[in-house]
Amino acid sequence: NISNILAENGLGLKDVIKTTVLLTDLADFDAVNKRY
């Protein structure tokens, strides 16, 4: 979803310099981190 919004301004994930990730269970951190 982020990538698709960035594409509206001619950007891609390579242009991202900062993210904030919110999780309802920090036990999911490893699985999210791997896919990220």
PDB file of all heavy atoms in Angstrom:
ATOM      1  N   ASN A   1       0.831  -1.201   0.000  1.00  0.00           N
ATOM      2  CA  ASN A   1       0.000   0.000   0.000  1.00  0.00           C
ATOM      3  C   ASN A   1       0.870   1.258   0.000  1.00  0.00           C
ATOM      4  O   ASN A   1       0.596   2.209  -0.728  1.00  0.00           O
ATOM      5  CB  ASN A   1      -0.950   0.000   1.199  1.00  0.00           C
ATOM      6  CG  ASN A   1      -1.994  -1.096   1.118  1.00  0.00           C
ATOM      7  OD1 ASN A   1      -2.274  -1.641   0.060  1.00  0.00           O
ATOM      8  ND2 ASN A   1      -2.568  -1.438   2.254  1.00  0.00           N
ATOM      9  N   ILE A   2       1.928   1.249   0.811  1.00  0.00           N
ATOM     10  CA  ILE A   2       2.869   2.375   0.840  1.00  0.00           C
ATOM     11  C   ILE A   2       3.495   2.565  -0.539  1.00  0.00           C
ATOM     12  O   ILE A   2       3.566   3.684  -1.056  1.00  0.00           O
ATOM     13  CB  ILE A   2       3.954   2.150   1.911  1.00  0.00           C
ATOM     14  CG1 ILE A   2       3.346   2.296   3.307  1.00  0.00           C
ATOM     15  CG2 ILE A   2       5.135   3.108   1.725  1.00  0.00           C
ATOM     16  CD1 ILE A   2       4.246   1.818   4.441  1.00  0.00           C
ATOM     17  N   SER A   3       3.945   1.482  -1.146  1.00  0.00           N
ATOM     18  CA  SER A   3       4.573   1.536  -2.468  1.00  0.00           C
ATOM     19  C   SER A   3       3.626   2.148  -3.498  1.00  0.00           C
ATOM     20  O   SER A   3       4.037   2.964  -4.321  1.00  0.00           O
ATOM     21  CB  SER A   3       5.002   0.132  -2.884  1.00  0.00           C
ATOM     22  OG  SER A   3       5.572   0.142  -4.158  1.00  0.00           O
ATOM     23  N   ASN A   4       2.361   1.756  -3.451  1.00  0.00           N
ATOM     24  CA  ASN A   4       1.384   2.267  -4.413  1.00  0.00           C
ATOM     25  C   ASN A   4       1.119   3.760  -4.217  1.00  0.00           C
ATOM     26  O   ASN A   4       0.930   4.487  -5.188  1.00  0.00           O
ATOM     27  CB  ASN A   4       0.088   1.467  -4.325  1.00  0.00           C
ATOM     28  CG  ASN A   4       0.253   0.066  -4.876  1.00  0.00           C
ATOM     29  OD1 ASN A   4       1.101  -0.184  -5.724  1.00  0.00           O
ATOM     30  ND2 ASN A   4      -0.535  -0.865  -4.373  1.00  0.00           N
ATOM     31  N   ILE A   5       1.129   4.221  -2.981  1.00  0.00           N
ATOM     32  CA  ILE A   5       0.944   5.652  -2.716  1.00  0.00           C
ATOM     33  C   ILE A   5       2.172   6.423  -3.190  1.00  0.00           C
ATOM     34  O   ILE A   5       2.053   7.476  -3.821  1.00  0.00           O
ATOM     35  CB  ILE A   5       0.657   5.894  -1.224  1.00  0.00           C
ATOM     36  CG1 ILE A   5      -0.706   5.291  -0.855  1.00  0.00           C
ATOM     37  CG2 ILE A   5       0.700   7.395  -0.899  1.00  0.00           C
ATOM     38  CD1 ILE A   5      -0.970   5.184   0.627  1.00  0.00           C
ATOM     39  N   LEU A   6       3.359   5.908  -2.894  1.00  0.00           N
ATOM     40  CA  LEU A   6       4.589   6.561  -3.344  1.00  0.00           C
ATOM     41  C   LEU A   6       4.630   6.674  -4.865  1.00  0.00           C
ATOM     42  O   LEU A   6       5.093   7.679  -5.413  1.00  0.00           O
ATOM     43  CB  LEU A   6       5.811   5.788  -2.853  1.00  0.00           C
ATOM     44  CG  LEU A   6       6.101   5.862  -1.363  1.00  0.00           C
ATOM     45  CD1 LEU A   6       7.213   4.895  -0.995  1.00  0.00           C
ATOM     46  CD2 LEU A   6       6.457   7.285  -0.943  1.00  0.00           C
ATOM     47  N   ALA A   7       4.147   5.644  -5.551  1.00  0.00           N
ATOM     48  CA  ALA A   7       4.160   5.641  -7.020  1.00  0.00           C
ATOM     49  C   ALA A   7       3.354   6.808  -7.592  1.00  0.00           C
ATOM     50  O   ALA A   7       3.654   7.284  -8.686  1.00  0.00           O
ATOM     51  CB  ALA A   7       3.623   4.311  -7.544  1.00  0.00           C
ATOM     52  N   GLU A   8       2.367   7.293  -6.828  1.00  0.00           N
ATOM     53  CA  GLU A   8       1.581   8.448  -7.274  1.00  0.00           C
ATOM     54  C   GLU A   8       2.437   9.705  -7.393  1.00  0.00           C
ATOM     55  O   GLU A   8       2.029  10.677  -8.021  1.00  0.00           O
ATOM     56  CB  GLU A   8       0.415   8.698  -6.314  1.00  0.00           C
ATOM     57  CG  GLU A   8      -0.682   7.675  -6.424  1.00  0.00           C
ATOM     58  CD  GLU A   8      -1.317   7.653  -7.802  1.00  0.00           C
ATOM     59  OE1 GLU A   8      -1.815   8.704  -8.254  1.00  0.00           O
ATOM     60  OE2 GLU A   8      -1.302   6.584  -8.446  1.00  0.00           O
ATOM     61  N   ASN A   9       3.601   9.703  -6.764  1.00  0.00           N
ATOM     62  CA  ASN A   9       4.503  10.850  -6.853  1.00  0.00           C
ATOM     63  C   ASN A   9       5.832  10.459  -7.499  1.00  0.00           C
ATOM     64  O   ASN A   9       6.849  11.116  -7.301  1.00  0.00           O
ATOM     65  CB  ASN A   9       4.740  11.460  -5.463  1.00  0.00           C
ATOM     66  CG  ASN A   9       5.172  12.901  -5.526  1.00  0.00           C
ATOM     67  OD1 ASN A   9       4.567  13.709  -6.229  1.00  0.00           O
ATOM     68  ND2 ASN A   9       6.231  13.245  -4.818  1.00  0.00           N
ATOM     69  N   GLY A  10       5.824   9.338  -8.229  1.00  0.00           N
ATOM     70  CA  GLY A  10       7.013   8.922  -8.961  1.00  0.00           C
ATOM     71  C   GLY A  10       8.113   8.360  -8.086  1.00  0.00           C
ATOM     72  O   GLY A  10       9.274   8.368  -8.493  1.00  0.00           O
ATOM     73  N   LEU A  11       7.775   7.880  -6.909  1.00  0.00           N
ATOM     74  CA  LEU A  11       8.770   7.305  -5.997  1.00  0.00           C
ATOM     75  C   LEU A  11       8.512   5.823  -5.790  1.00  0.00           C
ATOM     76  O   LEU A  11       7.457   5.303  -6.156  1.00  0.00           O
ATOM     77  CB  LEU A  11       8.722   8.026  -4.646  1.00  0.00           C
ATOM     78  CG  LEU A  11       9.207   9.458  -4.697  1.00  0.00           C
ATOM     79  CD1 LEU A  11       8.090  10.386  -4.312  1.00  0.00           C
ATOM     80  CD2 LEU A  11      10.362   9.632  -3.773  1.00  0.00           C
ATOM     81  N   GLY A  12       9.489   5.164  -5.164  1.00  0.00           N
ATOM     82  CA  GLY A  12       9.361   3.757  -4.834  1.00  0.00           C
ATOM     83  C   GLY A  12       9.917   3.491  -3.447  1.00  0.00           C
ATOM     84  O   GLY A  12      10.367   4.417  -2.753  1.00  0.00           O
ATOM     85  N   LEU A  13       9.931   2.239  -3.064  1.00  0.00           N
ATOM     86  CA  LEU A  13      10.428   1.876  -1.738  1.00  0.00           C
ATOM     87  C   LEU A  13      11.887   2.260  -1.549  1.00  0.00           C
ATOM     88  O   LEU A  13      12.323   2.529  -0.430  1.00  0.00           O
ATOM     89  CB  LEU A  13      10.241   0.374  -1.491  1.00  0.00           C
ATOM     90  CG  LEU A  13       8.789  -0.103  -1.400  1.00  0.00           C
ATOM     91  CD1 LEU A  13       8.741  -1.614  -1.202  1.00  0.00           C
ATOM     92  CD2 LEU A  13       8.032   0.617  -0.294  1.00  0.00           C
ATOM     93  N   LYS A  14      12.648   2.340  -2.637  1.00  0.00           N
ATOM     94  CA  LYS A  14      14.067   2.716  -2.550  1.00  0.00           C
ATOM     95  C   LYS A  14      14.238   4.146  -2.051  1.00  0.00           C
ATOM     96  O   LYS A  14      15.305   4.517  -1.574  1.00  0.00           O
ATOM     97  CB  LYS A  14      14.747   2.544  -3.907  1.00  0.00           C
ATOM     98  CG  LYS A  14      14.236   3.521  -4.961  1.00  0.00           C
ATOM     99  CD  LYS A  14      14.835   3.291  -6.314  1.00  0.00           C
ATOM    100  CE  LYS A  14      14.353   4.176  -7.403  1.00  0.00           C
ATOM    101  NZ  LYS A  14      13.263   5.086  -7.202  1.00  0.00           N
ATOM    102  N   ASP A  15      13.179   4.950  -2.136  1.00  0.00           N
ATOM    103  CA  ASP A  15      13.225   6.344  -1.721  1.00  0.00           C
ATOM    104  C   ASP A  15      12.822   6.547  -0.256  1.00  0.00           C
ATOM    105  O   ASP A  15      12.911   7.657   0.264  1.00  0.00           O
ATOM    106  CB  ASP A  15      12.312   7.185  -2.614  1.00  0.00           C
ATOM    107  CG  ASP A  15      12.739   7.129  -4.068  1.00  0.00           C
ATOM    108  OD1 ASP A  15      13.867   7.557  -4.364  1.00  0.00           O
ATOM    109  OD2 ASP A  15      11.952   6.644  -4.904  1.00  0.00           O
ATOM    110  N   VAL A  16      12.369   5.487   0.401  1.00  0.00           N
ATOM    111  CA  VAL A  16      11.931   5.591   1.793  1.00  0.00           C
ATOM    112  C   VAL A  16      13.151   5.730   2.698  1.00  0.00           C
ATOM    113  O   VAL A  16      14.093   4.939   2.609  1.00  0.00           O
ATOM    114  CB  VAL A  16      11.089   4.363   2.200  1.00  0.00           C
ATOM    115  CG1 VAL A  16      10.754   4.391   3.692  1.00  0.00           C
ATOM    116  CG2 VAL A  16       9.809   4.296   1.367  1.00  0.00           C
ATOM    117  N   ILE A  17      13.109   6.742   3.571  1.00  0.00           N
ATOM    118  CA  ILE A  17      14.230   6.956   4.499  1.00  0.00           C
ATOM    119  C   ILE A  17      13.854   6.666   5.948  1.00  0.00           C
ATOM    120  O   ILE A  17      14.728   6.495   6.790  1.00  0.00           O
ATOM    121  CB  ILE A  17      14.811   8.380   4.385  1.00  0.00           C
ATOM    122  CG1 ILE A  17      13.783   9.432   4.757  1.00  0.00           C
ATOM    123  CG2 ILE A  17      15.374   8.622   2.989  1.00  0.00           C
ATOM    124  CD1 ILE A  17      14.370  10.816   4.973  1.00  0.00           C
ATOM    125  N   LYS A  18      12.535   6.585   6.253  1.00  0.00           N
ATOM    126  CA  LYS A  18      12.109   6.341   7.631  1.00  0.00           C
ATOM    127  C   LYS A  18      10.755   5.673   7.635  1.00  0.00           C
ATOM    128  O   LYS A  18       9.866   6.060   6.862  1.00  0.00           O
ATOM    129  CB  LYS A  18      12.021   7.676   8.391  1.00  0.00           C
ATOM    130  CG  LYS A  18      11.364   7.619   9.769  1.00  0.00           C
ATOM    131  CD  LYS A  18      12.261   6.966  10.800  1.00  0.00           C
ATOM    132  CE  LYS A  18      11.781   7.141  12.224  1.00  0.00           C
ATOM    133  NZ  LYS A  18      10.707   6.242  12.618  1.00  0.00           N
ATOM    134  N   THR A  19      10.599   4.660   8.477  1.00  0.00           N
ATOM    135  CA  THR A  19       9.299   4.037   8.687  1.00  0.00           C
ATOM    136  C   THR A  19       9.013   3.951  10.174  1.00  0.00           C
ATOM    137  O   THR A  19       9.929   3.955  11.006  1.00  0.00           O
ATOM    138  CB  THR A  19       9.199   2.613   8.088  1.00  0.00           C
ATOM    139  OG1 THR A  19      10.133   1.763   8.755  1.00  0.00           O
ATOM    140  CG2 THR A  19       9.447   2.607   6.591  1.00  0.00           C
ATOM    141  N   THR A  20       7.740   3.865  10.487  1.00  0.00           N
ATOM    142  CA  THR A  20       7.291   3.565  11.843  1.00  0.00           C
ATOM    143  C   THR A  20       6.353   2.374  11.727  1.00  0.00           C
ATOM    144  O   THR A  20       5.419   2.392  10.922  1.00  0.00           O
ATOM    145  CB  THR A  20       6.563   4.757  12.475  1.00  0.00           C
ATOM    146  OG1 THR A  20       7.446   5.882  12.487  1.00  0.00           O
ATOM    147  CG2 THR A  20       6.143   4.452  13.904  1.00  0.00           C
ATOM    148  N   VAL A  21       6.635   1.330  12.505  1.00  0.00           N
ATOM    149  CA  VAL A  21       5.846   0.103  12.492  1.00  0.00           C
ATOM    150  C   VAL A  21       5.114   0.010  13.832  1.00  0.00           C
ATOM    151  O   VAL A  21       5.741   0.103  14.891  1.00  0.00           O
ATOM    152  CB  VAL A  21       6.742  -1.141  12.292  1.00  0.00           C
ATOM    153  CG1 VAL A  21       5.909  -2.416  12.316  1.00  0.00           C
ATOM    154  CG2 VAL A  21       7.530  -1.035  10.990  1.00  0.00           C
ATOM    155  N   LEU A  22       3.806  -0.180  13.767  1.00  0.00           N
ATOM    156  CA  LEU A  22       2.996  -0.367  14.965  1.00  0.00           C
ATOM    157  C   LEU A  22       2.464  -1.792  14.960  1.00  0.00           C
ATOM    158  O   LEU A  22       1.881  -2.243  13.964  1.00  0.00           O
ATOM    159  CB  LEU A  22       1.835   0.627  14.974  1.00  0.00           C
ATOM    160  CG  LEU A  22       2.218   2.097  14.815  1.00  0.00           C
ATOM    161  CD1 LEU A  22       0.979   2.964  14.655  1.00  0.00           C
ATOM    162  CD2 LEU A  22       3.058   2.566  15.976  1.00  0.00           C
ATOM    163  N   LEU A  23       2.683  -2.515  16.044  1.00  0.00           N
ATOM    164  CA  LEU A  23       2.231  -3.898  16.180  1.00  0.00           C
ATOM    165  C   LEU A  23       1.345  -4.026  17.417  1.00  0.00           C
ATOM    166  O   LEU A  23       1.650  -3.424  18.446  1.00  0.00           O
ATOM    167  CB  LEU A  23       3.424  -4.842  16.355  1.00  0.00           C
ATOM    168  CG  LEU A  23       4.409  -4.953  15.200  1.00  0.00           C
ATOM    169  CD1 LEU A  23       5.653  -5.712  15.635  1.00  0.00           C
ATOM    170  CD2 LEU A  23       3.742  -5.629  14.024  1.00  0.00           C
ATOM    171  N   THR A  24       0.306  -4.847  17.317  1.00  0.00           N
ATOM    172  CA  THR A  24      -0.513  -5.091  18.505  1.00  0.00           C
ATOM    173  C   THR A  24       0.101  -6.165  19.391  1.00  0.00           C
ATOM    174  O   THR A  24      -0.315  -6.335  20.528  1.00  0.00           O
ATOM    175  CB  THR A  24      -1.955  -5.482  18.135  1.00  0.00           C
ATOM    176  OG1 THR A  24      -1.934  -6.640  17.312  1.00  0.00           O
ATOM    177  CG2 THR A  24      -2.675  -4.340  17.438  1.00  0.00           C
ATOM    178  N   ASP A  25       1.107  -6.877  18.884  1.00  0.00           N
ATOM    179  CA  ASP A  25       1.808  -7.888  19.679  1.00  0.00           C
ATOM    180  C   ASP A  25       3.274  -7.909  19.261  1.00  0.00           C
ATOM    181  O   ASP A  25       3.603  -8.339  18.152  1.00  0.00           O
ATOM    182  CB  ASP A  25       1.176  -9.259  19.455  1.00  0.00           C
ATOM    183  CG  ASP A  25       1.736 -10.339  20.369  1.00  0.00           C
ATOM    184  OD1 ASP A  25       2.771 -10.102  21.050  1.00  0.00           O
ATOM    185  OD2 ASP A  25       1.147 -11.429  20.403  1.00  0.00           O
ATOM    186  N   LEU A  26       4.139  -7.450  20.136  1.00  0.00           N
ATOM    187  CA  LEU A  26       5.565  -7.374  19.818  1.00  0.00           C
ATOM    188  C   LEU A  26       6.174  -8.760  19.586  1.00  0.00           C
ATOM    189  O   LEU A  26       7.251  -8.873  18.999  1.00  0.00           O
ATOM    190  CB  LEU A  26       6.318  -6.626  20.925  1.00  0.00           C
ATOM    191  CG  LEU A  26       7.565  -5.874  20.487  1.00  0.00           C
ATOM    192  CD1 LEU A  26       7.322  -4.993  19.293  1.00  0.00           C
ATOM    193  CD2 LEU A  26       8.134  -5.071  21.637  1.00  0.00           C
ATOM    194  N   ALA A  27       5.475  -9.819  19.957  1.00  0.00           N
ATOM    195  CA  ALA A  27       5.933 -11.181  19.669  1.00  0.00           C
ATOM    196  C   ALA A  27       5.967 -11.429  18.155  1.00  0.00           C
ATOM    197  O   ALA A  27       6.637 -12.349  17.696  1.00  0.00           O
ATOM    198  CB  ALA A  27       5.037 -12.214  20.365  1.00  0.00           C
ATOM    199  N   ASP A  28       5.266 -10.598  17.380  1.00  0.00           N
ATOM    200  CA  ASP A  28       5.260 -10.725  15.921  1.00  0.00           C
ATOM    201  C   ASP A  28       6.458 -10.042  15.270  1.00  0.00           C
ATOM    202  O   ASP A  28       6.625 -10.095  14.047  1.00  0.00           O
ATOM    203  CB  ASP A  28       3.974 -10.110  15.337  1.00  0.00           C
ATOM    204  CG  ASP A  28       2.737 -10.910  15.674  1.00  0.00           C
ATOM    205  OD1 ASP A  28       2.847 -12.147  15.820  1.00  0.00           O
ATOM    206  OD2 ASP A  28       1.656 -10.304  15.783  1.00  0.00           O
ATOM    207  N   PHE A  29       7.317  -9.418  16.074  1.00  0.00           N
ATOM    208  CA  PHE A  29       8.435  -8.629  15.545  1.00  0.00           C
ATOM    209  C   PHE A  29       9.311  -9.433  14.590  1.00  0.00           C
ATOM    210  O   PHE A  29       9.644  -8.960  13.511  1.00  0.00           O
ATOM    211  CB  PHE A  29       9.286  -8.070  16.691  1.00  0.00           C
ATOM    212  CG  PHE A  29      10.452  -7.251  16.219  1.00  0.00           C
ATOM    213  CD1 PHE A  29      10.286  -5.924  15.872  1.00  0.00           C
ATOM    214  CD2 PHE A  29      11.715  -7.816  16.094  1.00  0.00           C
ATOM    215  CE1 PHE A  29      11.361  -5.157  15.422  1.00  0.00           C
ATOM    216  CE2 PHE A  29      12.788  -7.067  15.644  1.00  0.00           C
ATOM    217  CZ  PHE A  29      12.610  -5.729  15.313  1.00  0.00           C
ATOM    218  N   ASP A  30       9.711 -10.650  14.958  1.00  0.00           N
ATOM    219  CA  ASP A  30      10.620 -11.434  14.113  1.00  0.00           C
ATOM    220  C   ASP A  30      10.010 -11.750  12.752  1.00  0.00           C
ATOM    221  O   ASP A  30      10.681 -11.620  11.722  1.00  0.00           O
ATOM    222  CB  ASP A  30      11.049 -12.723  14.814  1.00  0.00           C
ATOM    223  CG  ASP A  30      12.003 -12.484  15.971  1.00  0.00           C
ATOM    224  OD1 ASP A  30      12.629 -11.395  16.029  1.00  0.00           O
ATOM    225  OD2 ASP A  30      12.121 -13.379  16.832  1.00  0.00           O
ATOM    226  N   ALA A  31       8.748 -12.144  12.730  1.00  0.00           N
ATOM    227  CA  ALA A  31       8.091 -12.470  11.448  1.00  0.00           C
ATOM    228  C   ALA A  31       7.957 -11.226  10.583  1.00  0.00           C
ATOM    229  O   ALA A  31       8.201 -11.273   9.366  1.00  0.00           O
ATOM    230  CB  ALA A  31       6.717 -13.085  11.708  1.00  0.00           C
ATOM    231  N   VAL A  32       7.600 -10.111  11.195  1.00  0.00           N
ATOM    232  CA  VAL A  32       7.469  -8.857  10.450  1.00  0.00           C
ATOM    233  C   VAL A  32       8.840  -8.407   9.954  1.00  0.00           C
ATOM    234  O   VAL A  32       8.995  -8.001   8.803  1.00  0.00           O
ATOM    235  CB  VAL A  32       6.810  -7.772  11.322  1.00  0.00           C
ATOM    236  CG1 VAL A  32       6.909  -6.400  10.673  1.00  0.00           C
ATOM    237  CG2 VAL A  32       5.359  -8.135  11.603  1.00  0.00           C
ATOM    238  N   ASN A  33       9.837  -8.490  10.818  1.00  0.00           N
ATOM    239  CA  ASN A  33      11.186  -8.072  10.475  1.00  0.00           C
ATOM    240  C   ASN A  33      11.720  -8.849   9.273  1.00  0.00           C
ATOM    241  O   ASN A  33      12.342  -8.279   8.370  1.00  0.00           O
ATOM    242  CB  ASN A  33      12.100  -8.261  11.680  1.00  0.00           C
ATOM    243  CG  ASN A  33      13.335  -7.425  11.602  1.00  0.00           C
ATOM    244  OD1 ASN A  33      13.281  -6.252  11.271  1.00  0.00           O
ATOM    245  ND2 ASN A  33      14.461  -8.038  11.921  1.00  0.00           N
ATOM    246  N   LYS A  34      11.452 -10.149   9.240  1.00  0.00           N
ATOM    247  CA  LYS A  34      11.918 -10.991   8.134  1.00  0.00           C
ATOM    248  C   LYS A  34      11.293 -10.542   6.812  1.00  0.00           C
ATOM    249  O   LYS A  34      11.989 -10.331   5.811  1.00  0.00           O
ATOM    250  CB  LYS A  34      11.599 -12.454   8.400  1.00  0.00           C
ATOM    251  CG  LYS A  34      12.118 -13.407   7.330  1.00  0.00           C
ATOM    252  CD  LYS A  34      11.855 -14.853   7.734  1.00  0.00           C
ATOM    253  CE  LYS A  34      12.491 -15.853   6.797  1.00  0.00           C
ATOM    254  NZ  LYS A  34      12.022 -15.805   5.435  1.00  0.00           N
ATOM    255  N   ARG A  35       9.973 -10.371   6.797  1.00  0.00           N
ATOM    256  CA  ARG A  35       9.295  -9.966   5.559  1.00  0.00           C
ATOM    257  C   ARG A  35       9.703  -8.542   5.166  1.00  0.00           C
ATOM    258  O   ARG A  35       9.941  -8.253   4.001  1.00  0.00           O
ATOM    259  CB  ARG A  35       7.775 -10.066   5.729  1.00  0.00           C
ATOM    260  CG  ARG A  35       6.963  -9.783   4.488  1.00  0.00           C
ATOM    261  CD  ARG A  35       7.192 -10.794   3.342  1.00  0.00           C
ATOM    262  NE  ARG A  35       6.933 -12.156   3.730  1.00  0.00           N
ATOM    263  CZ  ARG A  35       5.760 -12.777   3.648  1.00  0.00           C
ATOM    264  NH1 ARG A  35       4.711 -12.146   3.161  1.00  0.00           N
ATOM    265  NH2 ARG A  35       5.639 -14.021   4.046  1.00  0.00           N
ATOM    266  N   TYR A  36       9.805  -7.659   6.134  1.00  0.00           N
ATOM    267  CA  TYR A  36      10.233  -6.270   5.897  1.00  0.00           C
ATOM    268  C   TYR A  36      11.595  -6.268   5.203  1.00  0.00           C
ATOM    269  O   TYR A  36      11.805  -5.552   4.239  1.00  0.00           O
ATOM    270  CB  TYR A  36      10.294  -5.566   7.251  1.00  0.00           C
ATOM    271  CG  TYR A  36      10.674  -4.114   7.258  1.00  0.00           C
ATOM    272  CD1 TYR A  36       9.696  -3.133   7.390  1.00  0.00           C
ATOM    273  CD2 TYR A  36      12.000  -3.709   7.194  1.00  0.00           C
ATOM    274  CE1 TYR A  36      10.044  -1.782   7.442  1.00  0.00           C
ATOM    275  CE2 TYR A  36      12.349  -2.371   7.238  1.00  0.00           C
ATOM    276  CZ  TYR A  36      11.367  -1.408   7.358  1.00  0.00           C
ATOM    277  OH  TYR A  36      11.714  -0.085   7.412  1.00  0.00           O
TER     278      TYR A  36
END
